[in-house]
Amino acid sequence: MFTKLFSSFRQFNIFRNNAKQLMLVGLLSTICYRQRLSLQVNPNIKQYGDKLNRAFKRTLQPEDDFYKNTIILSGTSNKELAEEIAEYLNIKLGSVKIGRFADGECQIQVLDNIRGKDVFIIQSTSPPVNDNLMELLLLVSALRRASARKIIVVVPYYGYARQVIIYMYL
């Protein structure tokens, strides 16, 4: 699924400073590196074109060393997606023990040594939204206490993104 999604990719345009588009560009640069492709940004886009082209043409470390300090972790919501991404990028999928106490509270235990490593967490907040969100927050807290160098959270679906807050009363 993941490979098929980006295998026919030909052109990507950035129109404005949008965090989603910049995250996608970062992901695409990694995929292009793994498949030995070149990613060329449209030079007509003055604001980003030169900067992004310089970033993609930089010399990368050897492949064996590139992901040495990177681990992917997953909560209970998207285990299959995390396994597929880890397999595709050839990165170790870390071990996390997620349990429940008798009163329903979440218990997180990271089983790998992550001190000084870059950790990607893949956790969706799909239903049950509150449980998955709390699990994500507790996992981030556990990684901070375990001295991870960087913690990057990938949320494929954020449960509260479309919630309407304003109500009108007549």
N, C-alpha and C. Protein backbone atom coordinates (compact mmCIF):
# COMPACT_ATOMS: atom_id res chain seq x y z
N MET A 1 0.82 -1.19 0.00
CA MET A 1 0.00 0.00 0.00
C MET A 1 0.86 1.25 0.00
N PHE A 2 1.83 1.29 0.91
CA PHE A 2 2.66 2.48 1.07
C PHE A 2 3.51 2.70 -0.18
N THR A 3 4.07 1.62 -0.73
CA THR A 3 4.89 1.73 -1.92
C THR A 3 4.06 2.14 -3.12
N LYS A 4 2.88 1.56 -3.27
CA LYS A 4 2.02 1.87 -4.40
C LYS A 4 1.57 3.32 -4.37
N LEU A 5 1.41 3.87 -3.19
CA LEU A 5 0.93 5.24 -3.05
C LEU A 5 1.90 6.23 -3.67
N PHE A 6 3.20 6.00 -3.53
CA PHE A 6 4.19 6.96 -3.99
C PHE A 6 4.96 6.50 -5.23
N SER A 7 4.66 5.32 -5.77
CA SER A 7 5.44 4.83 -6.90
C SER A 7 5.13 5.60 -8.18
N SER A 8 3.91 6.12 -8.34
CA SER A 8 3.55 6.85 -9.55
C SER A 8 3.67 8.35 -9.36
N PHE A 9 4.34 8.78 -8.33
CA PHE A 9 4.45 10.19 -7.99
C PHE A 9 5.38 10.90 -8.99
N ARG A 10 4.95 11.98 -9.58
CA ARG A 10 5.76 12.69 -10.57
C ARG A 10 6.01 14.16 -10.23
N GLN A 11 5.03 14.86 -9.70
CA GLN A 11 5.18 16.30 -9.51
C GLN A 11 4.51 16.71 -8.21
N PHE A 12 5.15 17.64 -7.52
CA PHE A 12 4.62 18.15 -6.26
C PHE A 12 4.85 19.65 -6.21
N ASN A 13 3.82 20.42 -6.01
CA ASN A 13 3.94 21.87 -5.95
C ASN A 13 3.59 22.36 -4.56
N ILE A 14 4.36 23.33 -4.08
CA ILE A 14 4.08 23.97 -2.81
C ILE A 14 3.58 25.37 -3.11
N PHE A 15 2.41 25.69 -2.62
CA PHE A 15 1.81 26.98 -2.93
C PHE A 15 1.97 27.99 -1.80
N ARG A 16 2.02 27.53 -0.56
CA ARG A 16 2.16 28.45 0.56
C ARG A 16 2.80 27.70 1.71
N ASN A 17 3.12 28.43 2.75
CA ASN A 17 3.74 27.82 3.92
C ASN A 17 2.70 26.99 4.65
N ASN A 18 2.66 25.73 4.36
CA ASN A 18 1.66 24.83 4.91
C ASN A 18 2.40 23.67 5.56
N ALA A 19 2.15 23.44 6.84
CA ALA A 19 2.88 22.42 7.58
C ALA A 19 2.65 21.03 6.99
N LYS A 20 1.43 20.74 6.53
CA LYS A 20 1.16 19.42 5.95
C LYS A 20 1.98 19.20 4.69
N GLN A 21 2.07 20.23 3.84
CA GLN A 21 2.83 20.08 2.61
C GLN A 21 4.32 19.93 2.90
N LEU A 22 4.84 20.66 3.87
CA LEU A 22 6.25 20.54 4.19
C LEU A 22 6.57 19.18 4.79
N MET A 23 5.65 18.61 5.59
CA MET A 23 5.86 17.25 6.11
C MET A 23 5.87 16.24 4.97
N LEU A 24 4.98 16.43 4.00
CA LEU A 24 4.94 15.53 2.86
C LEU A 24 6.23 15.62 2.04
N VAL A 25 6.78 16.83 1.89
CA VAL A 25 8.03 16.99 1.18
C VAL A 25 9.15 16.24 1.90
N GLY A 26 9.18 16.31 3.23
CA GLY A 26 10.19 15.58 3.99
C GLY A 26 10.06 14.08 3.80
N LEU A 27 8.83 13.58 3.82
CA LEU A 27 8.60 12.15 3.61
C LEU A 27 9.00 11.75 2.20
N LEU A 28 8.66 12.58 1.22
CA LEU A 28 9.02 12.27 -0.17
C LEU A 28 10.52 12.28 -0.38
N SER A 29 11.24 13.18 0.29
CA SER A 29 12.70 13.19 0.14
C SER A 29 13.30 11.90 0.67
N THR A 30 12.75 11.37 1.76
CA THR A 30 13.23 10.09 2.30
C THR A 30 12.93 8.96 1.33
N ILE A 31 11.73 8.94 0.77
CA ILE A 31 11.36 7.89 -0.17
C ILE A 31 12.24 7.96 -1.41
N CYS A 32 12.48 9.17 -1.92
CA CYS A 32 13.33 9.32 -3.10
C CYS A 32 14.75 8.86 -2.81
N TYR A 33 15.23 9.12 -1.62
CA TYR A 33 16.57 8.67 -1.24
C TYR A 33 16.62 7.14 -1.23
N ARG A 34 15.59 6.50 -0.66
CA ARG A 34 15.58 5.05 -0.56
C ARG A 34 15.47 4.40 -1.95
N GLN A 35 14.76 5.02 -2.87
CA GLN A 35 14.57 4.44 -4.20
C GLN A 35 15.57 4.99 -5.21
N ARG A 36 16.53 5.75 -4.76
CA ARG A 36 17.56 6.35 -5.61
C ARG A 36 16.95 7.20 -6.72
N LEU A 37 15.93 7.97 -6.37
CA LEU A 37 15.30 8.89 -7.30
C LEU A 37 15.72 10.30 -6.95
N SER A 38 15.51 11.22 -7.86
CA SER A 38 15.78 12.62 -7.54
C SER A 38 14.46 13.36 -7.47
N LEU A 39 14.36 14.25 -6.50
CA LEU A 39 13.15 15.04 -6.32
C LEU A 39 13.49 16.46 -6.72
N GLN A 40 12.82 16.97 -7.73
CA GLN A 40 13.09 18.30 -8.24
C GLN A 40 11.88 19.18 -7.96
N VAL A 41 12.12 20.32 -7.33
CA VAL A 41 11.05 21.26 -7.01
C VAL A 41 10.94 22.26 -8.15
N ASN A 42 9.73 22.65 -8.47
CA ASN A 42 9.47 23.59 -9.55
C ASN A 42 10.23 24.89 -9.30
N PRO A 43 11.14 25.30 -10.20
CA PRO A 43 11.93 26.52 -9.97
C PRO A 43 11.12 27.80 -10.04
N ASN A 44 9.89 27.76 -10.57
CA ASN A 44 9.05 28.95 -10.64
C ASN A 44 8.54 29.37 -9.27
N ILE A 45 8.60 28.48 -8.31
CA ILE A 45 8.16 28.81 -6.96
C ILE A 45 9.35 29.45 -6.25
N LYS A 46 9.44 30.75 -6.28
CA LYS A 46 10.62 31.47 -5.77
C LYS A 46 10.80 31.30 -4.27
N GLN A 47 9.69 31.25 -3.53
CA GLN A 47 9.79 31.25 -2.07
C GLN A 47 10.44 29.97 -1.55
N TYR A 48 10.17 28.83 -2.20
CA TYR A 48 10.66 27.55 -1.68
C TYR A 48 11.59 26.81 -2.63
N GLY A 49 11.50 27.08 -3.93
CA GLY A 49 12.20 26.27 -4.92
C GLY A 49 13.68 26.10 -4.67
N ASP A 50 14.42 27.21 -4.55
CA ASP A 50 15.88 27.12 -4.38
C ASP A 50 16.25 26.43 -3.07
N LYS A 51 15.57 26.80 -2.00
CA LYS A 51 15.88 26.23 -0.69
C LYS A 51 15.65 24.72 -0.66
N LEU A 52 14.52 24.28 -1.20
CA LEU A 52 14.22 22.84 -1.19
C LEU A 52 15.14 22.08 -2.13
N ASN A 53 15.47 22.64 -3.28
CA ASN A 53 16.38 21.94 -4.19
C ASN A 53 17.76 21.77 -3.56
N ARG A 54 18.23 22.78 -2.83
CA ARG A 54 19.51 22.64 -2.12
C ARG A 54 19.42 21.54 -1.07
N ALA A 55 18.30 21.48 -0.37
CA ALA A 55 18.14 20.47 0.67
C ALA A 55 18.13 19.06 0.08
N PHE A 56 17.50 18.87 -1.08
CA PHE A 56 17.40 17.54 -1.66
C PHE A 56 18.70 17.12 -2.35
N LYS A 57 19.54 18.08 -2.74
CA LYS A 57 20.79 17.74 -3.41
C LYS A 57 21.94 17.55 -2.43
N ARG A 58 21.68 17.73 -1.15
CA ARG A 58 22.76 17.59 -0.18
C ARG A 58 23.26 16.15 -0.17
N THR A 59 24.47 15.98 0.26
CA THR A 59 25.06 14.65 0.33
C THR A 59 24.54 13.94 1.56
N LEU A 60 23.94 12.78 1.36
CA LEU A 60 23.41 12.01 2.47
C LEU A 60 24.45 11.02 2.95
N GLN A 61 24.34 10.64 4.20
CA GLN A 61 25.23 9.64 4.77
C GLN A 61 24.97 8.30 4.11
N PRO A 62 25.91 7.36 4.24
CA PRO A 62 25.64 6.03 3.69
C PRO A 62 24.38 5.43 4.30
N GLU A 63 23.73 4.57 3.54
CA GLU A 63 22.43 4.04 3.94
C GLU A 63 22.49 3.29 5.27
N ASP A 64 23.56 2.56 5.52
CA ASP A 64 23.65 1.80 6.76
C ASP A 64 23.70 2.72 7.97
N ASP A 65 24.27 3.90 7.79
CA ASP A 65 24.45 4.83 8.89
C ASP A 65 23.28 5.82 9.02
N PHE A 66 22.48 5.93 7.96
CA PHE A 66 21.46 6.97 7.89
C PHE A 66 20.39 6.80 8.96
N TYR A 67 19.94 5.57 9.18
CA TYR A 67 18.87 5.32 10.13
C TYR A 67 19.37 4.65 11.41
N LYS A 68 20.65 4.76 11.68
CA LYS A 68 21.24 4.05 12.82
C LYS A 68 20.60 4.47 14.14
N ASN A 69 20.32 5.73 14.30
CA ASN A 69 19.77 6.24 15.55
C ASN A 69 18.29 6.55 15.45
N THR A 70 17.57 5.82 14.62
CA THR A 70 16.15 6.07 14.44
C THR A 70 15.35 4.82 14.77
N ILE A 71 14.28 5.01 15.53
CA ILE A 71 13.37 3.91 15.88
C ILE A 71 11.95 4.38 15.63
N ILE A 72 11.12 3.48 15.13
CA ILE A 72 9.69 3.75 14.97
C ILE A 72 8.94 2.99 16.05
N LEU A 73 8.07 3.69 16.75
CA LEU A 73 7.21 3.07 17.76
C LEU A 73 5.76 3.25 17.33
N SER A 74 4.92 2.37 17.82
CA SER A 74 3.51 2.45 17.48
C SER A 74 2.67 2.15 18.70
N GLY A 75 1.54 2.85 18.77
CA GLY A 75 0.56 2.53 19.79
C GLY A 75 -0.33 1.41 19.28
N THR A 76 -1.47 1.25 19.90
CA THR A 76 -2.37 0.16 19.52
C THR A 76 -3.26 0.50 18.34
N SER A 77 -3.32 1.76 17.92
CA SER A 77 -4.29 2.13 16.88
C SER A 77 -3.82 1.80 15.47
N ASN A 78 -2.54 1.95 15.15
CA ASN A 78 -2.06 1.75 13.78
C ASN A 78 -0.82 0.87 13.73
N LYS A 79 -0.88 -0.28 14.32
CA LYS A 79 0.27 -1.18 14.36
C LYS A 79 0.67 -1.63 12.95
N GLU A 80 -0.31 -1.94 12.10
CA GLU A 80 -0.01 -2.43 10.75
C GLU A 80 0.68 -1.36 9.91
N LEU A 81 0.22 -0.12 10.01
CA LEU A 81 0.84 0.97 9.27
C LEU A 81 2.28 1.17 9.72
N ALA A 82 2.53 1.14 11.01
CA ALA A 82 3.89 1.30 11.52
C ALA A 82 4.81 0.18 11.05
N GLU A 83 4.30 -1.05 11.05
CA GLU A 83 5.10 -2.18 10.57
C GLU A 83 5.45 -2.03 9.09
N GLU A 84 4.49 -1.57 8.30
CA GLU A 84 4.73 -1.41 6.87
C GLU A 84 5.74 -0.28 6.60
N ILE A 85 5.63 0.82 7.32
CA ILE A 85 6.58 1.93 7.14
C ILE A 85 7.97 1.50 7.57
N ALA A 86 8.08 0.81 8.70
CA ALA A 86 9.38 0.35 9.19
C ALA A 86 10.02 -0.63 8.21
N GLU A 87 9.22 -1.52 7.66
CA GLU A 87 9.75 -2.48 6.69
C GLU A 87 10.20 -1.77 5.41
N TYR A 88 9.41 -0.81 4.95
CA TYR A 88 9.74 -0.10 3.72
C TYR A 88 11.01 0.72 3.86
N LEU A 89 11.16 1.41 4.99
CA LEU A 89 12.33 2.25 5.21
C LEU A 89 13.50 1.49 5.82
N ASN A 90 13.30 0.22 6.14
CA ASN A 90 14.32 -0.62 6.75
C ASN A 90 14.82 -0.03 8.07
N ILE A 91 13.87 0.39 8.89
CA ILE A 91 14.15 0.93 10.22
C ILE A 91 13.59 -0.04 11.24
N LYS A 92 14.25 -0.13 12.36
CA LYS A 92 13.81 -1.02 13.42
C LYS A 92 12.48 -0.53 14.00
N LEU A 93 11.53 -1.45 14.14
CA LEU A 93 10.27 -1.15 14.82
C LEU A 93 10.46 -1.49 16.29
N GLY A 94 10.41 -0.47 17.13
CA GLY A 94 10.67 -0.66 18.55
C GLY A 94 9.56 -1.41 19.27
N SER A 95 9.92 -1.92 20.43
CA SER A 95 8.96 -2.69 21.24
C SER A 95 8.39 -1.83 22.35
N VAL A 96 7.09 -1.81 22.44
CA VAL A 96 6.39 -1.08 23.50
C VAL A 96 5.34 -2.02 24.08
N LYS A 97 5.32 -2.10 25.40
CA LYS A 97 4.30 -2.90 26.07
C LYS A 97 3.23 -1.94 26.56
N ILE A 98 2.02 -2.10 26.05
CA ILE A 98 0.90 -1.24 26.41
C ILE A 98 -0.15 -2.11 27.09
N GLY A 99 -0.41 -1.80 28.33
CA GLY A 99 -1.38 -2.57 29.09
C GLY A 99 -2.39 -1.66 29.77
N ARG A 100 -3.28 -2.26 30.49
CA ARG A 100 -4.32 -1.51 31.21
C ARG A 100 -4.31 -1.94 32.66
N PHE A 101 -4.42 -0.96 33.54
CA PHE A 101 -4.60 -1.25 34.95
C PHE A 101 -6.05 -1.70 35.17
N ALA A 102 -6.34 -2.15 36.37
CA ALA A 102 -7.68 -2.64 36.69
C ALA A 102 -8.75 -1.56 36.54
N ASP A 103 -8.37 -0.30 36.81
CA ASP A 103 -9.35 0.78 36.69
C ASP A 103 -9.45 1.35 35.28
N GLY A 104 -8.74 0.76 34.31
CA GLY A 104 -8.84 1.19 32.92
C GLY A 104 -7.74 2.14 32.47
N GLU A 105 -6.88 2.60 33.39
CA GLU A 105 -5.80 3.50 33.01
C GLU A 105 -4.77 2.76 32.16
N CYS A 106 -4.10 3.52 31.31
CA CYS A 106 -3.13 2.96 30.38
C CYS A 106 -1.76 2.85 31.05
N GLN A 107 -1.07 1.75 30.80
CA GLN A 107 0.28 1.54 31.31
C GLN A 107 1.22 1.38 30.12
N ILE A 108 2.26 2.21 30.05
CA ILE A 108 3.20 2.20 28.93
C ILE A 108 4.57 1.77 29.45
N GLN A 109 5.20 0.84 28.74
CA GLN A 109 6.56 0.43 29.08
C GLN A 109 7.34 0.28 27.77
N VAL A 110 8.39 1.08 27.60
CA VAL A 110 9.24 1.01 26.41
C VAL A 110 10.30 -0.05 26.67
N LEU A 111 10.36 -1.07 25.82
CA LEU A 111 11.24 -2.20 26.04
C LEU A 111 12.61 -2.05 25.39
N ASP A 112 12.78 -1.07 24.52
CA ASP A 112 14.06 -0.84 23.85
C ASP A 112 14.80 0.32 24.49
N ASN A 113 16.12 0.32 24.32
CA ASN A 113 16.93 1.44 24.77
C ASN A 113 16.82 2.55 23.73
N ILE A 114 16.24 3.67 24.10
CA ILE A 114 16.06 4.77 23.14
C ILE A 114 16.84 6.02 23.54
N ARG A 115 17.72 5.90 24.50
CA ARG A 115 18.50 7.06 24.94
C ARG A 115 19.33 7.61 23.79
N GLY A 116 19.13 8.90 23.49
CA GLY A 116 19.88 9.57 22.44
C GLY A 116 19.45 9.24 21.03
N LYS A 117 18.33 8.60 20.84
CA LYS A 117 17.87 8.22 19.50
C LYS A 117 16.69 9.09 19.07
N ASP A 118 16.49 9.15 17.76
CA ASP A 118 15.33 9.83 17.20
C ASP A 118 14.20 8.82 17.13
N VAL A 119 13.06 9.17 17.72
CA VAL A 119 11.94 8.24 17.82
C VAL A 119 10.74 8.81 17.08
N PHE A 120 10.20 8.03 16.15
CA PHE A 120 8.97 8.38 15.45
C PHE A 120 7.84 7.55 16.06
N ILE A 121 6.78 8.22 16.49
CA ILE A 121 5.61 7.54 17.04
C ILE A 121 4.50 7.63 15.99
N ILE A 122 3.95 6.49 15.63
CA ILE A 122 2.82 6.47 14.70
C ILE A 122 1.61 6.03 15.50
N GLN A 123 0.70 6.98 15.71
CA GLN A 123 -0.48 6.70 16.54
C GLN A 123 -1.63 7.55 16.02
N SER A 124 -2.68 6.91 15.60
CA SER A 124 -3.87 7.60 15.14
C SER A 124 -4.81 7.84 16.32
N THR A 125 -5.63 8.85 16.22
CA THR A 125 -6.63 9.08 17.26
C THR A 125 -8.01 8.72 16.74
N SER A 126 -8.06 7.60 16.05
CA SER A 126 -9.34 7.08 15.58
C SER A 126 -10.10 6.50 16.78
N PRO A 127 -11.38 6.20 16.62
CA PRO A 127 -12.16 5.72 17.77
C PRO A 127 -11.55 4.48 18.41
N PRO A 128 -11.49 4.42 19.70
CA PRO A 128 -11.90 5.37 20.74
C PRO A 128 -10.90 6.52 20.84
N VAL A 129 -11.34 7.71 20.52
CA VAL A 129 -10.48 8.88 20.39
C VAL A 129 -9.76 9.19 21.69
N ASN A 130 -10.48 9.28 22.79
CA ASN A 130 -9.87 9.68 24.06
C ASN A 130 -8.83 8.67 24.52
N ASP A 131 -9.09 7.39 24.37
CA ASP A 131 -8.14 6.36 24.79
C ASP A 131 -6.86 6.42 23.96
N ASN A 132 -7.01 6.56 22.64
CA ASN A 132 -5.84 6.61 21.77
C ASN A 132 -5.03 7.89 21.98
N LEU A 133 -5.70 9.01 22.22
CA LEU A 133 -4.99 10.26 22.48
C LEU A 133 -4.24 10.19 23.80
N MET A 134 -4.86 9.65 24.82
CA MET A 134 -4.19 9.51 26.12
C MET A 134 -3.01 8.55 26.03
N GLU A 135 -3.17 7.49 25.27
CA GLU A 135 -2.08 6.54 25.06
C GLU A 135 -0.89 7.23 24.39
N LEU A 136 -1.18 8.09 23.40
CA LEU A 136 -0.13 8.84 22.72
C LEU A 136 0.60 9.77 23.68
N LEU A 137 -0.15 10.50 24.50
CA LEU A 137 0.47 11.43 25.44
C LEU A 137 1.32 10.71 26.48
N LEU A 138 0.85 9.57 26.96
CA LEU A 138 1.64 8.79 27.92
C LEU A 138 2.89 8.20 27.28
N LEU A 139 2.80 7.83 26.01
CA LEU A 139 3.97 7.32 25.30
C LEU A 139 5.02 8.41 25.11
N VAL A 140 4.59 9.61 24.76
CA VAL A 140 5.52 10.74 24.64
C VAL A 140 6.17 11.03 25.99
N SER A 141 5.40 10.99 27.06
CA SER A 141 5.94 11.22 28.39
C SER A 141 6.98 10.17 28.76
N ALA A 142 6.70 8.91 28.45
CA ALA A 142 7.65 7.83 28.75
C ALA A 142 8.94 8.00 27.95
N LEU A 143 8.84 8.45 26.70
CA LEU A 143 10.03 8.65 25.88
C LEU A 143 10.86 9.83 26.37
N ARG A 144 10.21 10.87 26.85
CA ARG A 144 10.95 12.00 27.43
C ARG A 144 11.73 11.56 28.65
N ARG A 145 11.11 10.77 29.51
CA ARG A 145 11.80 10.29 30.70
C ARG A 145 12.94 9.33 30.35
N ALA A 146 12.83 8.66 29.21
CA ALA A 146 13.87 7.72 28.77
C ALA A 146 14.97 8.41 27.97
N SER A 147 14.94 9.74 27.87
CA SER A 147 15.98 10.56 27.24
C SER A 147 16.12 10.34 25.74
N ALA A 148 15.01 10.30 25.04
CA ALA A 148 15.07 10.26 23.58
C ALA A 148 15.59 11.60 23.07
N ARG A 149 16.41 11.57 22.01
CA ARG A 149 16.98 12.81 21.48
C ARG A 149 15.89 13.66 20.81
N LYS A 150 15.11 13.05 19.94
CA LYS A 150 13.99 13.72 19.28
C LYS A 150 12.78 12.81 19.33
N ILE A 151 11.62 13.41 19.52
CA ILE A 151 10.37 12.66 19.49
C ILE A 151 9.49 13.30 18.41
N ILE A 152 9.21 12.54 17.37
CA ILE A 152 8.39 13.02 16.27
C ILE A 152 7.12 12.19 16.25
N VAL A 153 5.97 12.86 16.33
CA VAL A 153 4.68 12.16 16.37
C VAL A 153 4.02 12.27 15.00
N VAL A 154 3.63 11.13 14.45
CA VAL A 154 2.90 11.08 13.19
C VAL A 154 1.48 10.64 13.52
N VAL A 155 0.52 11.53 13.25
CA VAL A 155 -0.89 11.25 13.55
C VAL A 155 -1.64 11.20 12.22
N PRO A 156 -1.87 10.00 11.67
CA PRO A 156 -2.57 9.92 10.38
C PRO A 156 -3.99 10.46 10.43
N TYR A 157 -4.65 10.32 11.56
CA TYR A 157 -6.00 10.85 11.71
C TYR A 157 -6.09 11.47 13.10
N TYR A 158 -6.40 12.78 13.14
CA TYR A 158 -6.53 13.46 14.42
C TYR A 158 -8.01 13.65 14.71
N GLY A 159 -8.47 13.04 15.78
CA GLY A 159 -9.89 12.94 16.09
C GLY A 159 -10.63 14.23 16.33
N TYR A 160 -9.98 15.24 16.88
CA TYR A 160 -10.67 16.48 17.23
C TYR A 160 -10.45 17.58 16.19
N ALA A 161 -9.94 17.26 15.04
CA ALA A 161 -9.57 18.27 14.06
C ALA A 161 -10.76 19.02 13.48
N ARG A 162 -11.90 18.38 13.36
CA ARG A 162 -13.05 19.01 12.71
C ARG A 162 -14.16 19.36 13.67
N GLN A 163 -13.86 19.39 14.93
CA GLN A 163 -14.89 19.67 15.92
C GLN A 163 -15.31 21.14 15.85
N VAL A 164 -16.60 21.38 15.83
CA VAL A 164 -17.12 22.74 15.80
C VAL A 164 -17.31 23.21 17.24
N ILE A 165 -16.74 24.37 17.56
CA ILE A 165 -16.77 24.87 18.93
C ILE A 165 -17.83 25.95 19.10
N ILE A 166 -18.10 26.71 18.07
CA ILE A 166 -18.99 27.86 18.19
C ILE A 166 -20.44 27.41 17.96
N TYR A 167 -21.28 27.75 18.90
CA TYR A 167 -22.71 27.48 18.78
C TYR A 167 -23.46 28.80 18.78
N MET A 168 -24.49 28.89 17.98
CA MET A 168 -25.28 30.12 17.94
C MET A 168 -26.63 29.85 18.58
N TYR A 169 -27.01 30.73 19.47
CA TYR A 169 -28.32 30.64 20.11
C TYR A 169 -29.14 31.84 19.68
N LEU A 170 -30.35 31.61 19.26
CA LEU A 170 -31.23 32.70 18.84
C LEU A 170 -32.26 32.97 19.91
